[in-house]
């Protein structure tokens, strides 16, 4: 799967005290996520995108995996 990123993207993922996942992103980050979710929708079930602070998220972010089912 081709993963596209808008120049200047910034994305942070955190889990708050109520165990709620919060995704915070600038416009470029939101556009990047939208393109990647669209690409994932065209993949086979079980395909996934793995995000963490070492390959795409801001430092200190929680890890995030989005997986396609069915």
Protein backbone atom coordinates (compact mmCIF):
# COMPACT_ATOMS: atom_id res chain seq x y z
CA UNK A 1 0.00 0.00 0.00
CA UNK A 2 1.32 3.42 -0.90
CA UNK A 3 1.36 5.70 2.13
CA UNK A 4 1.23 9.39 1.25
CA UNK A 5 2.16 12.29 3.52
CA UNK A 6 1.42 15.97 3.07
CA UNK A 7 4.51 18.15 3.62
CA UNK A 8 4.61 19.59 7.13
CA UNK A 9 2.28 17.02 8.70
CA UNK A 10 2.11 16.74 12.50
CA UNK A 11 0.09 14.07 14.29
CA UNK A 12 -0.07 13.21 17.98
CA UNK A 13 -1.94 10.29 19.54
CA UNK A 14 -2.61 10.15 23.26
CA UNK A 15 -4.78 8.27 25.73
CA UNK A 16 -6.39 10.42 28.42
CA UNK A 17 -7.31 9.53 32.02
CA UNK A 18 -10.71 8.19 30.91
CA UNK A 19 -8.94 5.79 28.51
CA UNK A 20 -10.09 7.83 25.50
CA UNK A 21 -7.86 7.92 22.43
CA UNK A 22 -7.23 11.49 21.25
CA UNK A 23 -5.78 12.12 17.78
CA UNK A 24 -4.52 15.70 17.34
CA UNK A 25 -3.22 16.87 13.98
CA UNK A 26 -2.61 19.94 11.90
CA UNK A 27 -4.33 20.32 8.51
CA UNK A 28 -1.53 18.47 6.72
CA UNK A 29 -1.72 15.66 9.26
CA UNK A 30 -5.48 15.32 8.87
CA UNK A 31 -5.18 15.23 5.07
CA UNK A 32 -2.44 12.60 5.34
CA UNK A 33 -4.60 10.43 7.60
CA UNK A 34 -7.58 10.82 5.26
CA UNK A 35 -5.54 9.70 2.23
CA UNK A 36 -4.15 6.73 4.14
CA UNK A 37 -7.57 5.64 5.41
CA UNK A 38 -8.90 5.82 1.86
CA UNK A 39 -5.99 3.68 0.64
CA UNK A 40 -6.56 1.19 3.48
CA UNK A 41 -10.23 0.87 2.48
CA UNK A 42 -9.08 -0.52 -0.88
CA UNK A 43 -6.86 -3.19 0.69
CA UNK A 44 -7.69 -6.75 1.75
CA UNK A 45 -9.12 -7.59 5.18
CA UNK A 46 -6.33 -7.82 7.75
CA UNK A 47 -4.33 -5.03 6.15
CA UNK A 48 -3.28 -2.37 8.60
CA UNK A 49 -1.36 0.84 9.10
CA UNK A 50 0.96 1.09 12.08
CA UNK A 51 1.76 4.54 13.49
CA UNK A 52 4.26 5.33 16.23
CA UNK A 53 6.69 8.07 17.21
CA UNK A 54 9.52 6.38 15.30
CA UNK A 55 7.92 6.50 11.85
CA UNK A 56 5.18 9.12 11.72
CA UNK A 57 3.84 10.48 15.01
CA UNK A 58 5.13 13.26 17.22
CA UNK A 59 7.55 12.34 20.00
CA UNK A 60 5.76 10.97 23.05
CA UNK A 61 2.73 9.78 21.06
CA UNK A 62 0.94 6.55 21.88
CA UNK A 63 1.16 3.79 19.30
CA UNK A 64 -1.82 3.46 16.94
CA UNK A 65 -2.76 0.60 14.61
CA UNK A 66 -5.70 0.89 12.23
CA UNK A 67 -6.81 -2.40 10.69
CA UNK A 68 -9.31 -3.20 7.95
CA UNK A 69 -11.84 -5.92 8.74
CA UNK A 70 -14.07 -7.87 6.37
